Amino acid sequence: MGKMRCLMLAHGLQVEGSGRRILCKWCVLKLGLGDCQKLTANQDDGSFVMYYADEIAGNSAHHCVGTATSQTILGPYKPQDTPFACPIGQGGAIDADGFQDVDGTRYVVYKVDGNSIGHGGECMNSVAPIVPTPIMLQEVAEDGVTPIGEPTEVLNRDNFDGPLIEAPSLHRSDEGIYFLFFSSNCFSGPLYDTSYATATSIYGPYTKTERPLFITGDGPDLRGPGGSDIVKDGSRVVLHGHLDDTTGYVGYTPRGMYTAQLTFNGRTVTAQ
């Protein structure tokens, strides 16, 4: 593959409340402290939606997906009173990302965090019995936060994915092929990657590619590349990778953001 660029970014997003830690009705919101936030493109009414994952108030072992809205991209963002996705019995939910199809229909993809109730090992889920970590697809209304119907499982881990799959992101190519990007293996190790699966319907069935899009060593000092997101026109991907491997990837090592250009051809995507 070609050259990748590492970016170090800062942001000035604001959330309603005092300081960086505020209380919503179902969670303790900790934006900027390591939890995942993703912004959709502006909605039809000019507003913005933030999808985030946070601990459930009184139950720090699990996360659920929440939503917050704002009239400007920098905020302040107002959290909704109830979680968007919260399957506690299956481990909770994280890694939500919004997608708008060519017909205007909006969806959200997210991961059921099954490894949070795993039985030990890598990312708590490499000791049998292995707990599923499915990627779910939820249709939403024009506001980006109101679910329509029930979520649908569109992908799950297999033996080649290690303990989990996570960090989904959807793109539809100009040829009408749906690309579901995701990461597999444990985020804290060198096997963490960015993979993808393809389908001719947004609901699948999705077929995984034989080789991930990014693995350790694909770019200069690229280690454990994952957590990808695709820009709306599909021309570029952003993802993160470990900046240092001297600790053996133990714990939360510093990670930088990388970007690469993408080219779609049939059911294949290449990066440079």
Protein backbone atom coordinates (compact mmCIF):
# COMPACT_ATOMS: atom_id res chain seq x y z
CA MET A 1 0.00 0.00 0.00
CA GLY A 2 1.01 3.60 -0.36
CA LYS A 3 1.91 6.30 2.13
CA MET A 4 -0.22 6.90 5.20
CA ARG A 5 -0.25 10.12 7.17
CA CYS A 6 -0.43 10.36 10.96
CA LEU A 7 -2.50 13.23 12.39
CA MET A 8 -2.62 14.61 15.90
CA LEU A 9 -5.96 16.39 16.40
CA ALA A 10 -7.65 18.46 19.08
CA HIS A 11 -11.27 19.54 19.26
CA GLY A 12 -13.45 22.10 21.00
CA LEU A 13 -16.73 20.20 21.24
CA GLN A 14 -18.98 21.25 24.09
CA VAL A 15 -21.56 19.21 25.97
CA GLU A 16 -24.28 20.71 28.11
CA GLY A 17 -23.34 20.56 31.79
CA SER A 18 -20.44 21.65 33.93
CA GLY A 19 -16.90 20.53 33.19
CA ARG A 20 -15.92 17.43 31.23
CA ARG A 21 -18.00 15.00 33.30
CA ILE A 22 -21.75 15.50 33.45
CA LEU A 23 -24.66 13.40 34.60
CA CYS A 24 -27.39 12.39 32.19
CA LYS A 25 -30.40 10.34 33.22
CA TRP A 26 -28.85 7.00 32.31
CA CYS A 27 -25.09 7.55 32.27
CA VAL A 28 -22.08 9.48 33.43
CA LEU A 29 -20.95 11.30 30.28
CA LYS A 30 -17.16 11.49 29.96
CA LEU A 31 -16.45 13.10 26.58
CA GLY A 32 -12.74 13.60 26.11
CA LEU A 33 -11.82 10.91 28.63
CA GLY A 34 -11.48 8.03 26.22
CA ASP A 35 -15.04 7.05 25.31
CA CYS A 36 -16.09 6.98 21.66
CA GLN A 37 -17.84 9.88 19.98
CA LYS A 38 -18.82 10.18 16.32
CA LEU A 39 -20.62 13.03 14.57
CA THR A 40 -23.00 12.56 11.67
CA ALA A 41 -23.12 14.93 8.76
CA ASN A 42 -25.65 17.71 9.30
CA GLN A 43 -29.24 16.49 9.32
CA ASP A 44 -31.94 17.66 6.93
CA ASP A 45 -32.96 20.36 9.41
CA GLY A 46 -29.38 21.63 9.75
CA SER A 47 -28.73 20.03 13.14
CA PHE A 48 -25.95 17.65 14.16
CA VAL A 49 -26.08 14.32 16.00
CA MET A 50 -23.35 12.88 18.20
CA TYR A 51 -23.31 9.15 18.90
CA TYR A 52 -21.33 8.16 21.98
CA ALA A 53 -20.81 5.22 24.33
CA ASP A 54 -20.65 5.60 28.07
CA GLU A 55 -20.90 3.67 31.30
CA ILE A 56 -24.33 3.05 32.73
CA ALA A 57 -24.88 5.00 35.91
CA GLY A 58 -24.24 2.61 38.78
CA ASN A 59 -22.83 -0.13 36.51
CA SER A 60 -19.34 0.69 35.25
CA ALA A 61 -18.85 -2.81 33.83
CA HIS A 62 -20.96 -2.08 30.75
CA HIS A 63 -21.51 0.67 28.21
CA CYS A 64 -24.52 1.72 26.19
CA VAL A 65 -24.88 3.95 23.13
CA GLY A 66 -26.36 7.40 23.59
CA THR A 67 -27.19 10.32 21.34
CA ALA A 68 -26.85 14.07 21.70
CA THR A 69 -27.94 16.84 19.35
CA SER A 70 -26.87 20.39 18.56
CA GLN A 71 -27.68 23.16 16.11
CA THR A 72 -23.96 23.78 15.50
CA ILE A 73 -21.12 21.35 14.95
CA LEU A 74 -19.18 22.62 17.97
CA GLY A 75 -22.16 22.38 20.32
CA PRO A 76 -23.30 22.55 22.98
CA TYR A 77 -24.72 19.03 22.52
CA LYS A 78 -27.76 18.02 24.55
CA PRO A 79 -27.84 14.32 25.52
CA GLN A 80 -31.11 12.44 25.07
CA ASP A 81 -32.78 11.19 28.24
CA THR A 82 -32.63 7.51 27.31
CA PRO A 83 -29.93 5.38 25.64
CA PHE A 84 -30.16 4.64 21.93
CA ALA A 85 -28.99 1.02 22.28
CA CYS A 86 -28.53 -0.76 25.59
CA PRO A 87 -28.65 -4.58 25.40
CA ILE A 88 -27.23 -5.13 28.88
CA GLY A 89 -27.97 -8.85 28.88
CA GLN A 90 -25.70 -9.23 25.85
CA GLY A 91 -22.92 -7.02 27.23
CA GLY A 92 -24.11 -3.53 26.28
CA ALA A 93 -23.32 -1.56 23.13
CA ILE A 94 -20.52 0.69 21.82
CA ASP A 95 -19.05 2.07 18.57
CA ALA A 96 -22.11 3.63 16.94
CA ASP A 97 -21.82 5.32 13.55
CA GLY A 98 -24.43 7.00 11.36
CA PHE A 99 -25.04 6.34 7.65
CA GLN A 100 -27.44 7.84 5.09
CA ASP A 101 -28.30 5.74 2.03
CA VAL A 102 -28.81 7.13 -1.48
CA ASP A 103 -32.59 7.12 -1.02
CA GLY A 104 -32.25 9.34 2.07
CA THR A 105 -32.93 6.59 4.61
CA ARG A 106 -30.80 6.92 7.73
CA TYR A 107 -29.23 4.09 9.71
CA VAL A 108 -26.94 3.58 12.68
CA VAL A 109 -24.52 0.67 13.01
CA TYR A 110 -23.07 -0.36 16.36
CA LYS A 111 -21.38 -3.23 18.17
CA VAL A 112 -23.00 -5.38 20.84
CA ASP A 113 -20.19 -5.47 23.42
CA GLY A 114 -20.37 -9.18 24.13
CA ASN A 115 -16.73 -9.49 25.14
CA SER A 116 -17.52 -7.38 28.22
CA ILE A 117 -19.27 -10.47 29.60
CA GLY A 118 -16.67 -12.90 28.25
CA HIS A 119 -14.83 -15.56 30.23
CA GLY A 120 -11.30 -14.15 30.18
CA GLY A 121 -8.26 -13.99 27.94
CA GLU A 122 -7.64 -11.40 25.23
CA CYS A 123 -10.17 -8.58 25.47
CA MET A 124 -11.98 -10.84 28.00
CA ASN A 125 -13.24 -13.16 25.23
CA SER A 126 -10.68 -15.73 24.11
CA VAL A 127 -11.62 -18.35 26.70
CA ALA A 128 -14.47 -20.69 25.74
CA PRO A 129 -17.35 -20.33 25.53
CA ILE A 130 -16.77 -17.32 23.27
CA VAL A 131 -19.48 -14.65 23.53
CA PRO A 132 -20.85 -13.18 20.26
CA THR A 133 -20.00 -9.55 19.41
CA PRO A 134 -22.46 -8.84 16.56
CA ILE A 135 -22.67 -5.68 14.47
CA MET A 136 -26.22 -4.35 14.46
CA LEU A 137 -28.00 -2.16 11.91
CA GLN A 138 -30.77 0.14 13.12
CA GLU A 139 -32.92 2.26 10.82
CA VAL A 140 -33.66 5.71 12.27
CA ALA A 141 -35.94 8.62 11.47
CA GLU A 142 -34.76 11.82 9.78
CA ASP A 143 -33.66 13.18 13.17
CA GLY A 144 -30.99 10.46 13.37
CA VAL A 145 -31.97 9.45 16.91
CA THR A 146 -35.45 7.88 16.74
CA PRO A 147 -35.31 4.12 15.99
CA ILE A 148 -37.62 2.67 13.36
CA GLY A 149 -38.37 -1.00 14.00
CA GLU A 150 -35.92 -3.40 15.62
CA PRO A 151 -32.16 -3.65 14.99
CA THR A 152 -30.87 -6.34 12.62
CA GLU A 153 -27.66 -8.32 13.04
CA VAL A 154 -25.58 -7.91 9.88
CA LEU A 155 -22.21 -9.41 10.88
CA ASN A 156 -20.58 -11.38 13.69
CA ARG A 157 -17.16 -12.64 14.66
CA ASP A 158 -15.72 -15.96 13.50
CA ASN A 159 -12.56 -17.90 14.35
CA PHE A 160 -10.43 -15.65 12.13
CA ASP A 161 -11.51 -12.52 14.03
CA GLY A 162 -10.10 -13.43 17.42
CA PRO A 163 -12.20 -12.36 20.41
CA LEU A 164 -14.34 -9.74 18.70
CA ILE A 165 -15.35 -7.51 15.84
CA GLU A 166 -16.14 -3.85 16.48
CA ALA A 167 -15.95 -0.25 15.22
CA PRO A 168 -18.36 -0.61 12.25
CA SER A 169 -18.63 2.01 9.51
CA LEU A 170 -20.79 1.79 6.37
CA HIS A 171 -20.21 3.08 2.84
CA ARG A 172 -22.10 2.50 -0.42
CA SER A 173 -19.93 2.60 -3.55
CA ASP A 174 -20.95 4.22 -6.82
CA GLU A 175 -21.54 0.69 -8.14
CA GLY A 176 -24.16 0.05 -5.44
CA ILE A 177 -22.05 -2.24 -3.26
CA TYR A 178 -22.31 -1.81 0.51
CA PHE A 179 -18.97 -1.91 2.32
CA LEU A 180 -19.13 -2.62 6.05
CA PHE A 181 -15.79 -1.72 7.59
CA PHE A 182 -14.90 -3.13 11.03
CA SER A 183 -11.98 -4.02 13.27
CA SER A 184 -11.17 -7.48 14.58
CA ASN A 185 -8.87 -9.00 17.21
CA CYS A 186 -8.04 -7.24 20.48
CA PHE A 187 -7.54 -3.47 20.29
CA SER A 188 -4.53 -3.57 22.65
CA GLY A 189 -2.39 -5.87 20.48
CA PRO A 190 -0.60 -5.91 17.11
CA LEU A 191 -3.22 -8.18 15.51
CA TYR A 192 -5.88 -5.45 15.68
CA ASP A 193 -6.85 -4.56 12.12
CA THR A 194 -9.27 -2.83 9.79
CA SER A 195 -11.28 -5.28 7.71
CA TYR A 196 -14.39 -5.06 5.57
CA ALA A 197 -17.29 -7.11 4.26
CA THR A 198 -19.51 -6.46 1.23
CA ALA A 199 -23.16 -6.95 0.24
CA THR A 200 -25.60 -5.86 -2.45
CA SER A 201 -28.25 -5.04 0.19
CA ILE A 202 -27.68 -2.91 3.25
CA TYR A 203 -29.14 -5.72 5.36
CA GLY A 204 -26.73 -8.26 3.86
CA PRO A 205 -25.77 -10.99 3.72
CA TYR A 206 -22.24 -9.58 4.04
CA THR A 207 -19.19 -11.49 2.83
CA LYS A 208 -15.88 -10.79 4.57
CA THR A 209 -12.83 -10.12 2.45
CA GLU A 210 -9.97 -12.63 2.68
CA ARG A 211 -7.39 -10.02 3.65
CA PRO A 212 -7.96 -7.01 5.97
CA LEU A 213 -7.59 -3.55 4.49
CA PHE A 214 -4.98 -2.56 7.11
CA ILE A 215 -2.78 -4.68 9.36
CA THR A 216 0.32 -3.95 11.41
CA GLY A 217 3.21 -3.12 9.08
CA ASP A 218 1.12 -1.90 6.14
CA GLY A 219 2.44 1.63 6.60
CA PRO A 220 5.48 3.22 8.23
CA ASP A 221 5.31 2.35 11.94
CA LEU A 222 1.65 1.35 11.55
CA ARG A 223 0.69 -0.78 14.56
CA GLY A 224 -2.70 -2.27 15.36
CA PRO A 225 -4.66 -0.11 12.87
CA GLY A 226 -8.38 0.07 13.67
CA GLY A 227 -11.39 2.16 14.59
CA SER A 228 -11.83 3.32 10.98
CA ASP A 229 -14.37 5.76 9.60
CA ILE A 230 -15.06 6.62 5.96
CA VAL A 231 -15.72 10.15 4.72
CA LYS A 232 -19.08 10.62 3.05
CA ASP A 233 -17.86 10.45 -0.56
CA GLY A 234 -15.72 7.39 0.17
CA SER A 235 -12.51 9.03 -0.96
CA ARG A 236 -10.66 8.73 2.33
CA VAL A 237 -10.48 6.69 5.51
CA VAL A 238 -9.36 7.78 8.97
CA LEU A 239 -8.24 5.30 11.62
CA HIS A 240 -6.00 5.02 14.64
CA GLY A 241 -2.86 3.04 15.40
CA HIS A 242 -0.51 2.54 18.33
CA LEU A 243 2.36 5.05 18.42
CA ASP A 244 4.64 2.89 20.55
CA ASP A 245 5.16 -0.85 20.88
CA THR A 246 7.83 -0.79 23.61
CA THR A 247 5.22 -1.71 26.25
CA GLY A 248 4.15 -4.78 24.31
CA TYR A 249 0.76 -3.17 23.68
CA VAL A 250 -0.20 -3.72 27.31
CA GLY A 251 -2.94 -1.36 28.49
CA TYR A 252 -4.03 1.88 26.88
CA THR A 253 -0.92 2.89 24.92
CA PRO A 254 -0.97 6.24 23.06
CA ARG A 255 -2.54 6.09 19.60
CA GLY A 256 -2.38 8.49 16.69
CA MET A 257 -4.82 9.12 13.84
CA TYR A 258 -3.94 8.05 10.30
CA THR A 259 -5.55 8.79 6.96
CA ALA A 260 -5.35 7.20 3.51
CA GLN A 261 -7.07 7.58 0.14
CA LEU A 262 -9.49 4.85 -0.95
CA THR A 263 -10.47 3.43 -4.35
CA PHE A 264 -13.51 1.18 -4.76
CA ASN A 265 -13.77 -1.37 -7.58
CA GLY A 266 -16.52 -4.00 -7.46
CA ARG A 267 -16.30 -5.69 -4.08
CA THR A 268 -12.71 -4.57 -3.48
CA VAL A 269 -11.30 -1.45 -1.88
CA THR A 270 -7.65 -0.41 -2.01
CA ALA A 271 -5.77 2.24 -0.04
CA GLN A 272 -2.88 4.47 -0.89
